[in-house]
Amino acid sequence: MSLSRRSIALVGSVLLMACTAESNAPHAPAAGGSTLFHAGMVGALLAGVYDGQFEIEAVRKHGDFGLGGFHALDGEMVVLDGHVYQVTSDGKVHGVPDAAKTPFAAVTFFRPEQRIAWSSTQGRTPAFEAFLERERLAPQRLYAIKITGRFKRLLARSVAAQTPPYRPLPEVIAASQKTFPFENVEGTMVGFRLPQHVNGVNLPGYHFHFLDRARTAGGHVLEYEIDQADVEMQLLHGYTVELPEGAAFYEVDLARDRRNDIRAIE
């Protein structure tokens, strides 16, 4: 499916407008700053819409940094330095062909504007996130965040490919997620801090995926504690949404309150 068929753009003031046709080359960040591009919606993924309709080649035209999943929920996606990686249910990392498909991905062109160093002497994860909220991040804005360094501990997860009829994501996570504990591991967390008004399109709050330094292990981050790391942040000036097609998406109840579902998968 081409990403230019059907699109909603929400930029700055969340103004709806049609997307223009995609070019053959990756889009450079606009003069006003990068935006966050979504192939699909988290609300649909939570409800069990796992069939991939967006090709990785097309997603890569919209960003070199981000996260997502794969067709049939087959593992976790990490997009770092323009490369797309798949963390399968055994915790191992694989390269991804451009022809692979995703039901949901969120990417941007990462051009960090803020940099800080953080160490365990400054506090554990709650202190780190509280510092960001108090000193660095505006409540209603969108941010891409890259954390590179050593982690005292980190818990990641992935899931295996599902078969139709698909169960909702919280049920899949509860029944079959695989978790991978790391201690004193070096690597990179890739992700976003997003406000409540993106709910349904993406996950509000902090959402990270992880790759170790060798890019051989990783997953969706459930818990982490920084030992020493460089934190890079970029303010994003809006977001776009490319809608999937087909009955599975058209029939899903996107108006349902899924806050409990979000808590269950995070």
C-alpha atoms as a PDB file:
ATOM      1  CA  MET A   1       0.000   0.000   0.000  1.00  0.00           C
ATOM      2  CA  SER A   2       1.321   3.409  -0.926  1.00  0.00           C
ATOM      3  CA  LEU A   3       1.499   5.856   1.946  1.00  0.00           C
ATOM      4  CA  SER A   4       0.083   8.594  -0.280  1.00  0.00           C
ATOM      5  CA  ARG A   5      -3.396   7.085  -0.689  1.00  0.00           C
ATOM      6  CA  ARG A   6      -5.069   8.292   2.405  1.00  0.00           C
ATOM      7  CA  SER A   7      -3.652  10.649   4.966  1.00  0.00           C
ATOM      8  CA  ILE A   8      -4.558  13.026   7.750  1.00  0.00           C
ATOM      9  CA  ALA A   9      -2.102  15.670   8.810  1.00  0.00           C
ATOM     10  CA  LEU A  10      -2.209  17.305  12.197  1.00  0.00           C
ATOM     11  CA  VAL A  11       0.459  19.984  12.395  1.00  0.00           C
ATOM     12  CA  GLY A  12       1.006  22.655  15.031  1.00  0.00           C
ATOM     13  CA  SER A  13      -2.603  23.474  15.904  1.00  0.00           C
ATOM     14  CA  VAL A  14      -3.741  19.988  14.876  1.00  0.00           C
ATOM     15  CA  LEU A  15      -5.250  21.278  11.646  1.00  0.00           C
ATOM     16  CA  LEU A  16      -6.570  18.562   9.332  1.00  0.00           C
ATOM     17  CA  MET A  17      -5.413  18.629   5.733  1.00  0.00           C
ATOM     18  CA  ALA A  18      -4.633  16.237   2.902  1.00  0.00           C
ATOM     19  CA  CYS A  19      -1.130  14.899   2.445  1.00  0.00           C
ATOM     20  CA  THR A  20       0.721  15.454  -0.793  1.00  0.00           C
ATOM     21  CA  ALA A  21       2.017  12.580  -2.881  1.00  0.00           C
ATOM     22  CA  GLU A  22       5.255  11.057  -1.651  1.00  0.00           C
ATOM     23  CA  SER A  23       8.519  11.550  -3.522  1.00  0.00           C
ATOM     24  CA  ASN A  24      11.021   8.832  -4.306  1.00  0.00           C
ATOM     25  CA  ALA A  25      13.548  10.247  -1.828  1.00  0.00           C
ATOM     26  CA  PRO A  26      13.246  10.654   1.948  1.00  0.00           C
ATOM     27  CA  HIS A  27      11.632  13.938   2.971  1.00  0.00           C
ATOM     28  CA  ALA A  28      13.962  16.389   4.680  1.00  0.00           C
ATOM     29  CA  PRO A  29      12.703  18.086   7.842  1.00  0.00           C
ATOM     30  CA  ALA A  30      10.645  21.171   7.052  1.00  0.00           C
ATOM     31  CA  ALA A  31      11.940  24.624   7.879  1.00  0.00           C
ATOM     32  CA  GLY A  32       9.620  24.731  10.890  1.00  0.00           C
ATOM     33  CA  GLY A  33      11.064  21.517  12.296  1.00  0.00           C
ATOM     34  CA  SER A  34      10.427  17.790  12.106  1.00  0.00           C
ATOM     35  CA  THR A  35       7.036  16.180  12.553  1.00  0.00           C
ATOM     36  CA  LEU A  36       6.108  12.714  13.817  1.00  0.00           C
ATOM     37  CA  PHE A  37       4.754  10.450  11.097  1.00  0.00           C
ATOM     38  CA  HIS A  38       2.380   7.602  11.978  1.00  0.00           C
ATOM     39  CA  ALA A  39       1.652   4.650   9.714  1.00  0.00           C
ATOM     40  CA  GLY A  40      -1.562   3.423  11.316  1.00  0.00           C
ATOM     41  CA  MET A  41      -2.931   4.147  14.792  1.00  0.00           C
ATOM     42  CA  VAL A  42      -2.212   2.671  18.207  1.00  0.00           C
ATOM     43  CA  GLY A  43      -5.947   2.563  18.917  1.00  0.00           C
ATOM     44  CA  ALA A  44      -6.418   0.077  16.086  1.00  0.00           C
ATOM     45  CA  LEU A  45      -3.394  -1.951  17.202  1.00  0.00           C
ATOM     46  CA  LEU A  46      -4.796  -2.200  20.733  1.00  0.00           C
ATOM     47  CA  ALA A  47      -8.011  -3.581  19.272  1.00  0.00           C
ATOM     48  CA  GLY A  48      -6.197  -6.303  17.301  1.00  0.00           C
ATOM     49  CA  VAL A  49      -5.645  -4.792  13.839  1.00  0.00           C
ATOM     50  CA  TYR A  50      -2.303  -6.480  13.144  1.00  0.00           C
ATOM     51  CA  ASP A  51      -2.244  -6.959   9.386  1.00  0.00           C
ATOM     52  CA  GLY A  52       0.552  -4.894   7.886  1.00  0.00           C
ATOM     53  CA  GLN A  53      -0.537  -2.479   5.168  1.00  0.00           C
ATOM     54  CA  PHE A  54       2.468  -0.152   5.116  1.00  0.00           C
ATOM     55  CA  GLU A  55       5.739  -1.174   3.517  1.00  0.00           C
ATOM     56  CA  ILE A  56       8.943  -0.433   5.411  1.00  0.00           C
ATOM     57  CA  GLU A  57      10.406   1.221   2.327  1.00  0.00           C
ATOM     58  CA  ALA A  58       7.591   3.773   2.377  1.00  0.00           C
ATOM     59  CA  VAL A  59       7.834   4.324   6.146  1.00  0.00           C
ATOM     60  CA  ARG A  60      11.551   5.082   5.840  1.00  0.00           C
ATOM     61  CA  LYS A  61      10.756   8.003   3.549  1.00  0.00           C
ATOM     62  CA  HIS A  62       9.260   9.760   6.581  1.00  0.00           C
ATOM     63  CA  GLY A  63      11.967   9.280   9.183  1.00  0.00           C
ATOM     64  CA  ASP A  64      15.248   7.747  10.313  1.00  0.00           C
ATOM     65  CA  PHE A  65      14.301   7.290  13.986  1.00  0.00           C
ATOM     66  CA  GLY A  66      11.360   5.670  15.695  1.00  0.00           C
ATOM     67  CA  LEU A  67       9.535   2.501  16.660  1.00  0.00           C
ATOM     68  CA  GLY A  68       6.601   0.263  15.810  1.00  0.00           C
ATOM     69  CA  GLY A  69       5.698  -3.340  15.074  1.00  0.00           C
ATOM     70  CA  PHE A  70       5.402  -5.791  12.217  1.00  0.00           C
ATOM     71  CA  HIS A  71       2.765  -7.717  10.293  1.00  0.00           C
ATOM     72  CA  ALA A  72       0.813 -10.086  12.553  1.00  0.00           C
ATOM     73  CA  LEU A  73       2.505  -8.479  15.590  1.00  0.00           C
ATOM     74  CA  ASP A  74       5.733 -10.361  14.826  1.00  0.00           C
ATOM     75  CA  GLY A  75       8.184  -8.611  17.165  1.00  0.00           C
ATOM     76  CA  GLU A  76       9.155  -5.044  18.000  1.00  0.00           C
ATOM     77  CA  MET A  77      10.475  -2.427  15.567  1.00  0.00           C
ATOM     78  CA  VAL A  78      13.401  -0.121  16.290  1.00  0.00           C
ATOM     79  CA  VAL A  79      14.402   2.561  13.769  1.00  0.00           C
ATOM     80  CA  LEU A  80      17.849   3.977  14.520  1.00  0.00           C
ATOM     81  CA  ASP A  81      20.246   5.917  12.274  1.00  0.00           C
ATOM     82  CA  GLY A  82      18.045   5.173   9.288  1.00  0.00           C
ATOM     83  CA  HIS A  83      18.146   1.402   9.794  1.00  0.00           C
ATOM     84  CA  VAL A  84      15.065  -0.668  10.644  1.00  0.00           C
ATOM     85  CA  TYR A  85      15.498  -3.554  13.088  1.00  0.00           C
ATOM     86  CA  GLN A  86      13.144  -6.321  14.204  1.00  0.00           C
ATOM     87  CA  VAL A  87      13.401  -7.745  17.729  1.00  0.00           C
ATOM     88  CA  THR A  88      11.708 -11.128  17.551  1.00  0.00           C
ATOM     89  CA  SER A  89      10.132 -13.071  20.407  1.00  0.00           C
ATOM     90  CA  ASP A  90      13.493 -14.653  21.320  1.00  0.00           C
ATOM     91  CA  GLY A  91      14.936 -11.185  21.977  1.00  0.00           C
ATOM     92  CA  LYS A  92      17.270 -11.326  18.981  1.00  0.00           C
ATOM     93  CA  VAL A  93      17.686  -8.506  16.475  1.00  0.00           C
ATOM     94  CA  HIS A  94      17.325  -8.881  12.708  1.00  0.00           C
ATOM     95  CA  GLY A  95      17.615  -6.563   9.737  1.00  0.00           C
ATOM     96  CA  VAL A  96      14.372  -5.820   7.917  1.00  0.00           C
ATOM     97  CA  PRO A  97      13.820  -5.842   4.133  1.00  0.00           C
ATOM     98  CA  ASP A  98      12.076  -2.859   2.572  1.00  0.00           C
ATOM     99  CA  ALA A  99       9.250  -5.125   1.395  1.00  0.00           C
ATOM    100  CA  ALA A 100       8.297  -6.084   4.973  1.00  0.00           C
ATOM    101  CA  LYS A 101       5.069  -4.566   6.270  1.00  0.00           C
ATOM    102  CA  THR A 102       3.863  -2.926   9.466  1.00  0.00           C
ATOM    103  CA  PRO A 103       0.408  -2.232  10.952  1.00  0.00           C
ATOM    104  CA  PHE A 104       1.849   0.612  13.042  1.00  0.00           C
ATOM    105  CA  ALA A 105       5.028   2.666  13.082  1.00  0.00           C
ATOM    106  CA  ALA A 106       5.965   6.144  14.327  1.00  0.00           C
ATOM    107  CA  VAL A 107       9.050   7.806  12.843  1.00  0.00           C
ATOM    108  CA  THR A 108      10.703  11.190  12.485  1.00  0.00           C
ATOM    109  CA  PHE A 109      13.949  12.653  11.211  1.00  0.00           C
ATOM    110  CA  PHE A 110      15.951  12.911  14.412  1.00  0.00           C
ATOM    111  CA  ARG A 111      17.850  16.181  14.729  1.00  0.00           C
ATOM    112  CA  PRO A 112      18.463  16.689  18.479  1.00  0.00           C
ATOM    113  CA  GLU A 113      18.198  20.206  19.874  1.00  0.00           C
ATOM    114  CA  GLN A 114      18.874  19.499  23.555  1.00  0.00           C
ATOM    115  CA  ARG A 115      21.548  17.332  25.141  1.00  0.00           C
ATOM    116  CA  ILE A 116      22.129  16.444  28.769  1.00  0.00           C
ATOM    117  CA  ALA A 117      24.245  13.902  30.638  1.00  0.00           C
ATOM    118  CA  TRP A 118      22.585  11.800  33.335  1.00  0.00           C
ATOM    119  CA  SER A 119      24.160   9.488  35.889  1.00  0.00           C
ATOM    120  CA  SER A 120      22.853   7.290  38.659  1.00  0.00           C
ATOM    121  CA  THR A 121      24.207   9.755  41.227  1.00  0.00           C
ATOM    122  CA  GLN A 122      21.453  12.152  40.113  1.00  0.00           C
ATOM    123  CA  GLY A 123      18.701   9.670  40.880  1.00  0.00           C
ATOM    124  CA  ARG A 124      16.835   6.687  39.527  1.00  0.00           C
ATOM    125  CA  THR A 125      14.273   6.635  36.727  1.00  0.00           C
ATOM    126  CA  PRO A 126      11.516   8.613  38.538  1.00  0.00           C
ATOM    127  CA  ALA A 127      13.985  11.395  39.312  1.00  0.00           C
ATOM    128  CA  PHE A 128      15.198  11.418  35.713  1.00  0.00           C
ATOM    129  CA  GLU A 129      11.725  11.685  34.219  1.00  0.00           C
ATOM    130  CA  ALA A 130      10.677  14.263  36.817  1.00  0.00           C
ATOM    131  CA  PHE A 131      13.713  16.362  35.868  1.00  0.00           C
ATOM    132  CA  LEU A 132      12.751  16.218  32.188  1.00  0.00           C
ATOM    133  CA  GLU A 133       9.171  17.218  32.939  1.00  0.00           C
ATOM    134  CA  ARG A 134      10.219  20.062  35.239  1.00  0.00           C
ATOM    135  CA  GLU A 135      13.208  21.490  33.390  1.00  0.00           C
ATOM    136  CA  ARG A 136      13.170  20.424  29.752  1.00  0.00           C
ATOM    137  CA  LEU A 137       9.815  19.361  28.349  1.00  0.00           C
ATOM    138  CA  ALA A 138       6.677  21.433  27.732  1.00  0.00           C
ATOM    139  CA  PRO A 139       3.530  19.523  28.800  1.00  0.00           C
ATOM    140  CA  GLN A 140       1.560  19.725  25.555  1.00  0.00           C
ATOM    141  CA  ARG A 141       4.440  19.271  23.113  1.00  0.00           C
ATOM    142  CA  LEU A 142       5.818  16.194  21.360  1.00  0.00           C
ATOM    143  CA  TYR A 143       9.425  15.079  21.812  1.00  0.00           C
ATOM    144  CA  ALA A 144      11.712  12.470  20.276  1.00  0.00           C
ATOM    145  CA  ILE A 145      14.206  11.173  22.841  1.00  0.00           C
ATOM    146  CA  LYS A 146      17.354   9.119  22.369  1.00  0.00           C
ATOM    147  CA  ILE A 147      19.194   7.770  25.442  1.00  0.00           C
ATOM    148  CA  THR A 148      22.619   6.250  24.782  1.00  0.00           C
ATOM    149  CA  GLY A 149      24.883   4.809  27.444  1.00  0.00           C
ATOM    150  CA  ARG A 150      24.988   2.219  30.187  1.00  0.00           C
ATOM    151  CA  PHE A 151      21.906   0.991  32.022  1.00  0.00           C
ATOM    152  CA  LYS A 152      22.120  -0.585  35.484  1.00  0.00           C
ATOM    153  CA  ARG A 153      19.099  -2.641  34.602  1.00  0.00           C
ATOM    154  CA  LEU A 154      16.574  -2.771  31.816  1.00  0.00           C
ATOM    155  CA  LEU A 155      13.598  -5.038  31.181  1.00  0.00           C
ATOM    156  CA  ALA A 156      12.449  -5.459  27.575  1.00  0.00           C
ATOM    157  CA  ARG A 157       9.825  -7.571  25.885  1.00  0.00           C
ATOM    158  CA  SER A 158       8.668  -8.855  22.526  1.00  0.00           C
ATOM    159  CA  VAL A 159       5.859 -11.038  21.203  1.00  0.00           C
ATOM    160  CA  ALA A 160       5.591 -13.769  18.601  1.00  0.00           C
ATOM    161  CA  ALA A 161       3.580 -13.548  15.376  1.00  0.00           C
ATOM    162  CA  GLN A 162      -0.162 -14.004  15.856  1.00  0.00           C
ATOM    163  CA  THR A 163      -2.690 -15.864  13.715  1.00  0.00           C
ATOM    164  CA  PRO A 164      -6.234 -14.732  12.845  1.00  0.00           C
ATOM    165  CA  PRO A 165      -8.677 -14.241  14.390  1.00  0.00           C
ATOM    166  CA  TYR A 166      -6.503 -11.785  16.282  1.00  0.00           C
ATOM    167  CA  ARG A 167      -7.018 -11.168  19.976  1.00  0.00           C
ATOM    168  CA  PRO A 168      -6.771  -7.588  21.361  1.00  0.00           C
ATOM    169  CA  LEU A 169      -3.236  -6.538  22.252  1.00  0.00           C
ATOM    170  CA  PRO A 170      -3.669  -6.615  26.072  1.00  0.00           C
ATOM    171  CA  GLU A 171      -4.762 -10.270  25.821  1.00  0.00           C
ATOM    172  CA  VAL A 172      -1.778 -11.143  23.635  1.00  0.00           C
ATOM    173  CA  ILE A 173       0.624  -9.419  26.029  1.00  0.00           C
ATOM    174  CA  ALA A 174      -0.854 -11.114  29.089  1.00  0.00           C
ATOM    175  CA  ALA A 175      -0.769 -14.569  27.514  1.00  0.00           C
ATOM    176  CA  SER A 176       2.409 -14.668  25.477  1.00  0.00           C
ATOM    177  CA  GLN A 177       4.875 -11.797  25.884  1.00  0.00           C
ATOM    178  CA  LYS A 178       8.517 -12.786  26.374  1.00  0.00           C
ATOM    179  CA  THR A 179      10.629 -10.607  28.663  1.00  0.00           C
ATOM    180  CA  PHE A 180      14.393 -10.085  28.613  1.00  0.00           C
ATOM    181  CA  PRO A 181      16.203  -8.710  31.668  1.00  0.00           C
ATOM    182  CA  PHE A 182      19.483  -6.833  31.142  1.00  0.00           C
ATOM    183  CA  GLU A 183      22.010  -5.737  33.761  1.00  0.00           C
ATOM    184  CA  ASN A 184      24.864  -3.300  33.229  1.00  0.00           C
ATOM    185  CA  VAL A 185      24.119  -3.211  29.528  1.00  0.00           C
ATOM    186  CA  GLU A 186      25.273  -0.624  27.016  1.00  0.00           C
ATOM    187  CA  GLY A 187      22.920   0.443  24.281  1.00  0.00           C
ATOM    188  CA  THR A 188      20.353   2.927  23.030  1.00  0.00           C
ATOM    189  CA  MET A 189      16.753   3.632  23.931  1.00  0.00           C
ATOM    190  CA  VAL A 190      14.752   5.077  21.037  1.00  0.00           C
ATOM    191  CA  GLY A 191      11.409   6.690  21.682  1.00  0.00           C
ATOM    192  CA  PHE A 192       9.050   9.547  22.366  1.00  0.00           C
ATOM    193  CA  ARG A 193       7.393  11.517  25.138  1.00  0.00           C
ATOM    194  CA  LEU A 194       3.946  12.465  23.935  1.00  0.00           C
ATOM    195  CA  PRO A 195       1.064  14.444  25.488  1.00  0.00           C
ATOM    196  CA  GLN A 196      -2.436  13.166  26.236  1.00  0.00           C
ATOM    197  CA  HIS A 197      -3.925  14.721  23.120  1.00  0.00           C
ATOM    198  CA  VAL A 198      -2.269  12.064  20.913  1.00  0.00           C
ATOM    199  CA  ASN A 199      -4.213   9.314  22.689  1.00  0.00           C
ATOM    200  CA  GLY A 200      -5.577   6.854  20.136  1.00  0.00           C
ATOM    201  CA  VAL A 201      -3.019   7.835  17.533  1.00  0.00           C
ATOM    202  CA  ASN A 202      -0.035   6.952  19.721  1.00  0.00           C
ATOM    203  CA  LEU A 203       0.728   6.216  23.374  1.00  0.00           C
ATOM    204  CA  PRO A 204       0.759   9.236  25.703  1.00  0.00           C
ATOM    205  CA  GLY A 205       3.743   9.475  28.033  1.00  0.00           C
ATOM    206  CA  TYR A 206       7.131   7.796  27.560  1.00  0.00           C
ATOM    207  CA  HIS A 207       7.462   4.955  25.048  1.00  0.00           C
ATOM    208  CA  PHE A 208      10.874   3.432  24.314  1.00  0.00           C
ATOM    209  CA  HIS A 209      12.346   0.521  22.389  1.00  0.00           C
ATOM    210  CA  PHE A 210      15.891  -0.683  23.068  1.00  0.00           C
ATOM    211  CA  LEU A 211      18.893  -2.005  21.160  1.00  0.00           C
ATOM    212  CA  ASP A 212      22.077  -3.111  22.876  1.00  0.00           C
ATOM    213  CA  ARG A 213      25.365  -1.651  21.664  1.00  0.00           C
ATOM    214  CA  ALA A 214      26.081  -4.583  19.339  1.00  0.00           C
ATOM    215  CA  ARG A 215      22.514  -4.395  17.984  1.00  0.00           C
ATOM    216  CA  THR A 216      21.960  -8.069  18.721  1.00  0.00           C
ATOM    217  CA  ALA A 217      19.328  -7.851  21.505  1.00  0.00           C
ATOM    218  CA  GLY A 218      16.556  -5.507  22.585  1.00  0.00           C
ATOM    219  CA  GLY A 219      12.809  -5.011  22.691  1.00  0.00           C
ATOM    220  CA  HIS A 220      10.007  -2.809  24.010  1.00  0.00           C
ATOM    221  CA  VAL A 221      11.185  -1.182  27.251  1.00  0.00           C
ATOM    222  CA  LEU A 222       9.121  -2.008  30.333  1.00  0.00           C
ATOM    223  CA  GLU A 223      11.556  -0.811  33.021  1.00  0.00           C
ATOM    224  CA  TYR A 224      14.952   0.876  33.019  1.00  0.00           C
ATOM    225  CA  GLU A 225      17.486   2.477  35.301  1.00  0.00           C
ATOM    226  CA  ILE A 226      20.276   4.623  33.860  1.00  0.00           C
ATOM    227  CA  ASP A 227      23.834   4.207  35.110  1.00  0.00           C
ATOM    228  CA  GLN A 228      25.371   6.859  32.864  1.00  0.00           C
ATOM    229  CA  ALA A 229      23.998   8.100  29.566  1.00  0.00           C
ATOM    230  CA  ASP A 230      23.763  10.939  27.085  1.00  0.00           C
ATOM    231  CA  VAL A 231      20.193  12.094  26.549  1.00  0.00           C
ATOM    232  CA  GLU A 232      19.299  13.818  23.271  1.00  0.00           C
ATOM    233  CA  MET A 233      15.905  15.441  22.703  1.00  0.00           C
ATOM    234  CA  GLN A 234      14.088  17.020  19.798  1.00  0.00           C
ATOM    235  CA  LEU A 235      10.911  19.076  19.892  1.00  0.00           C
ATOM    236  CA  LEU A 236       8.495  17.897  17.201  1.00  0.00           C
ATOM    237  CA  HIS A 237       6.203  20.489  15.662  1.00  0.00           C
ATOM    238  CA  GLY A 238       3.245  18.309  14.793  1.00  0.00           C
ATOM    239  CA  TYR A 239       2.261  14.866  13.609  1.00  0.00           C
ATOM    240  CA  THR A 240       0.727  13.155  10.595  1.00  0.00           C
ATOM    241  CA  VAL A 241      -1.365  10.002  10.410  1.00  0.00           C
ATOM    242  CA  GLU A 242      -1.621   7.646   7.446  1.00  0.00           C
ATOM    243  CA  LEU A 243      -4.803   5.596   7.800  1.00  0.00           C
ATOM    244  CA  PRO A 244      -4.957   1.911   6.860  1.00  0.00           C
ATOM    245  CA  GLU A 245      -7.754   0.568   4.702  1.00  0.00           C
ATOM    246  CA  GLY A 246     -10.014  -2.453   4.874  1.00  0.00           C
ATOM    247  CA  ALA A 247     -12.777  -3.820   7.077  1.00  0.00           C
ATOM    248  CA  ALA A 248     -10.557  -4.589  10.067  1.00  0.00           C
ATOM    249  CA  PHE A 249      -9.771  -0.903  10.481  1.00  0.00           C
ATOM    250  CA  TYR A 250     -13.128   0.521   9.406  1.00  0.00           C
ATOM    251  CA  GLU A 251     -15.039  -1.657  11.869  1.00  0.00           C
ATOM    252  CA  VAL A 252     -12.856  -1.126  14.946  1.00  0.00           C
ATOM    253  CA  ASP A 253     -14.264   1.030  17.744  1.00  0.00           C
ATOM    254  CA  LEU A 254     -11.771   3.885  17.910  1.00  0.00           C
ATOM    255  CA  ALA A 255     -14.026   5.890  20.256  1.00  0.00           C
ATOM    256  CA  ARG A 256     -13.646   3.361  23.064  1.00  0.00           C
ATOM    257  CA  ASP A 257     -11.713   4.489  26.138  1.00  0.00           C
ATOM    258  CA  ARG A 258      -8.570   2.343  26.047  1.00  0.00           C
ATOM    259  CA  ARG A 259      -6.667   3.796  29.001  1.00  0.00           C
ATOM    260  CA  ASN A 260      -6.866   0.463  30.824  1.00  0.00           C
ATOM    261  CA  ASP A 261      -5.557  -1.291  27.706  1.00  0.00           C
ATOM    262  CA  ILE A 262      -2.602   1.096  27.577  1.00  0.00           C
ATOM    263  CA  ARG A 263      -1.762   0.427  31.224  1.00  0.00           C
ATOM    264  CA  ALA A 264      -1.957  -3.304  30.544  1.00  0.00           C
ATOM    265  CA  ILE A 265       0.602  -3.242  27.734  1.00  0.00           C
ATOM    266  CA  GLU A 266       3.014  -0.766  29.333  1.00  0.00           C
END
